[in-house]
Every structure is written in C-alpha cells, then in structure tokens.
Amino acid sequence: MRMSRLVFATVMVVAVSTTFVFVRGVDRGPRFHVSNDSPEAVAVTVTRGDKSRNLGTIEPDSRISLRARDEALMVFTVRYADGREIESQAIYFSSGVVVTVSITQDGLEVERDVDT
C-alpha cells in the first residue's frame, strides 16, 4: 500500500512538472504583431534565413499576430499598392520576446519588448 502511494506521488510530480515546462515553453515563445496603420491595404512577407512566408494582405487599421516556433532572425517586407517596397532591418526573435511592427504610410516602425 505504501509503495503504491509512493509510485502514484512520483507519477503525479513528473506529470505536473512536464506539463508546467511544456506550457511555460509554449507560452514564452517569440511572438510578433503586425499592424497596418497606413490608409491603404499592404502585402507583408516575412523572411527567415532562406525561407519566406507571405502573410497576405493586411487591411488598413488591422492587426495580425503570429508566434514563432523558435528563435530566429527575421526581416519584414511591406509592399504598398503603388509598388513601393520597404524592408525592415533584421530583427532577432528569442524566447519571451514580443516584436511589434507598425506599418505607416512612410515606412515601418519596429518595437522589441520582453514579454513579462
């Protein structure tokens, strides 16, 4: 009887610890928000290494939020309706970081913050 209680307690400790680590790791992953503060729809692409991901068209006064799976160096490219393209400087994402990219009529504003 005493051994079964010990085994049960051990299993519970391992299960709770594993769940905490998993949830904490997922919760603290790098995140980014892209908001279109310009008066026109824009197309946004994110480049990470040699791979690009088209985020699609973001309408005026709209915002999208995404989460990166791991740490990375990313560059955002915005295409305006008139054909202009503006590229951000490379931004490093790491665990617990939130980056906000604000698109304006004249360019990009990038803020990097630590998620608390």
Protein backbone atom coordinates (compact mmCIF):
# COMPACT_ATOMS: atom_id res chain seq x y z
CA MET A 1 0.00 0.00 0.00
CA ARG A 2 2.76 2.40 0.95
CA MET A 3 4.68 1.59 -2.27
CA SER A 4 1.62 2.31 -4.46
CA ARG A 5 1.22 5.72 -2.81
CA LEU A 6 4.87 6.49 -3.47
CA VAL A 7 4.56 5.43 -7.10
CA PHE A 8 1.37 7.49 -7.50
CA ALA A 9 3.01 10.57 -5.94
CA THR A 10 6.07 10.19 -8.17
CA VAL A 11 3.93 9.88 -11.30
CA MET A 12 1.95 12.97 -10.32
CA VAL A 13 5.09 15.04 -9.71
CA VAL A 14 6.53 14.04 -13.09
CA ALA A 15 3.22 14.75 -14.87
CA VAL A 16 2.75 18.17 -13.28
CA SER A 17 6.40 19.14 -13.86
CA THR A 18 6.30 18.07 -17.50
CA THR A 19 3.04 19.94 -18.10
CA PHE A 20 4.43 23.09 -16.46
CA VAL A 21 7.60 23.01 -18.56
CA PHE A 22 5.64 22.38 -21.77
CA VAL A 23 3.04 25.08 -21.16
CA ARG A 24 5.65 27.55 -19.96
CA GLY A 25 7.81 26.88 -23.05
CA VAL A 26 4.90 27.35 -25.44
CA ASP A 27 3.69 30.45 -23.62
CA ARG A 28 7.12 32.11 -23.70
CA GLY A 29 7.84 31.53 -27.39
CA PRO A 30 8.69 34.55 -29.53
CA ARG A 31 5.64 36.45 -30.79
CA PHE A 32 5.12 39.24 -33.23
CA HIS A 33 2.30 41.60 -34.13
CA VAL A 34 1.98 43.41 -37.44
CA SER A 35 -0.40 46.36 -37.57
CA ASN A 36 -1.30 48.36 -40.64
CA ASP A 37 -1.59 51.99 -39.58
CA SER A 38 -1.47 53.25 -43.17
CA PRO A 39 -4.61 54.30 -45.09
CA GLU A 40 -4.20 51.51 -47.68
CA ALA A 41 -4.01 47.73 -47.78
CA VAL A 42 -0.45 46.36 -47.85
CA ALA A 43 1.11 42.98 -48.61
CA VAL A 44 3.56 41.67 -46.00
CA THR A 45 6.22 38.99 -46.29
CA VAL A 46 8.47 37.66 -43.53
CA THR A 47 11.88 36.27 -44.49
CA ARG A 48 13.72 33.95 -42.15
CA GLY A 49 17.04 32.72 -43.44
CA ASP A 50 16.41 31.45 -46.94
CA LYS A 51 12.67 30.91 -46.41
CA SER A 52 9.90 33.47 -46.95
CA ARG A 53 6.33 33.41 -45.71
CA ASN A 54 3.67 35.57 -47.30
CA LEU A 55 1.42 36.95 -44.56
CA GLY A 56 -1.06 38.14 -47.17
CA THR A 57 -2.78 41.48 -47.45
CA ILE A 58 -3.37 43.44 -44.27
CA GLU A 59 -6.21 45.94 -44.49
CA PRO A 60 -5.96 49.47 -43.03
CA ASP A 61 -6.43 49.63 -39.25
CA SER A 62 -5.96 45.85 -38.99
CA ARG A 63 -3.52 43.78 -36.98
CA ILE A 64 -2.32 40.21 -37.20
CA SER A 65 -0.49 38.28 -34.51
CA LEU A 66 1.80 35.33 -35.02
CA ARG A 67 4.04 33.15 -32.91
CA ALA A 68 7.43 31.86 -33.98
CA ARG A 69 8.30 28.30 -33.05
CA ASP A 70 11.88 29.03 -32.12
CA GLU A 71 14.49 31.73 -32.10
CA ALA A 72 15.21 33.39 -35.42
CA LEU A 73 16.44 36.39 -37.33
CA MET A 74 13.60 37.82 -39.45
CA VAL A 75 13.11 40.60 -41.98
CA PHE A 76 9.70 42.08 -42.82
CA THR A 77 8.97 43.36 -46.33
CA VAL A 78 5.95 45.57 -47.00
CA ARG A 79 4.56 46.20 -50.48
CA TYR A 80 2.28 49.18 -51.00
CA ALA A 81 -0.37 49.43 -53.72
CA ASP A 82 1.78 51.91 -55.68
CA GLY A 83 4.56 49.29 -55.95
CA ARG A 84 6.89 50.65 -53.25
CA GLU A 85 8.65 48.07 -51.12
CA ILE A 86 10.08 48.76 -47.70
CA GLU A 87 12.19 46.28 -45.78
CA SER A 88 12.86 46.26 -42.05
CA GLN A 89 16.26 45.72 -40.54
CA ALA A 90 16.84 42.14 -39.41
CA ILE A 91 15.08 41.54 -36.10
CA TYR A 92 16.17 38.81 -33.72
CA PHE A 93 13.37 36.89 -32.01
CA SER A 94 14.08 34.82 -28.94
CA SER A 95 12.03 33.18 -26.24
CA GLY A 96 9.88 35.63 -24.31
CA VAL A 97 10.25 38.45 -26.83
CA VAL A 98 7.37 40.32 -28.44
CA VAL A 99 8.06 42.38 -31.55
CA THR A 100 5.51 44.85 -32.90
CA VAL A 101 5.81 46.03 -36.49
CA SER A 102 3.71 49.10 -37.25
CA ILE A 103 3.24 49.90 -40.91
CA THR A 104 2.73 53.57 -41.71
CA GLN A 105 2.34 55.44 -45.00
CA ASP A 106 6.03 56.31 -44.88
CA GLY A 107 7.64 53.13 -43.58
CA LEU A 108 7.96 50.64 -40.74
CA GLU A 109 8.32 51.18 -37.04
CA VAL A 110 9.65 48.21 -35.10
CA GLU A 111 9.47 47.80 -31.32
CA ARG A 112 11.03 44.91 -29.44
CA ASP A 113 9.87 44.15 -25.91
CA VAL A 114 10.27 41.36 -23.38
CA ASP A 115 7.05 39.53 -22.53
CA THR A 116 6.51 39.68 -18.79
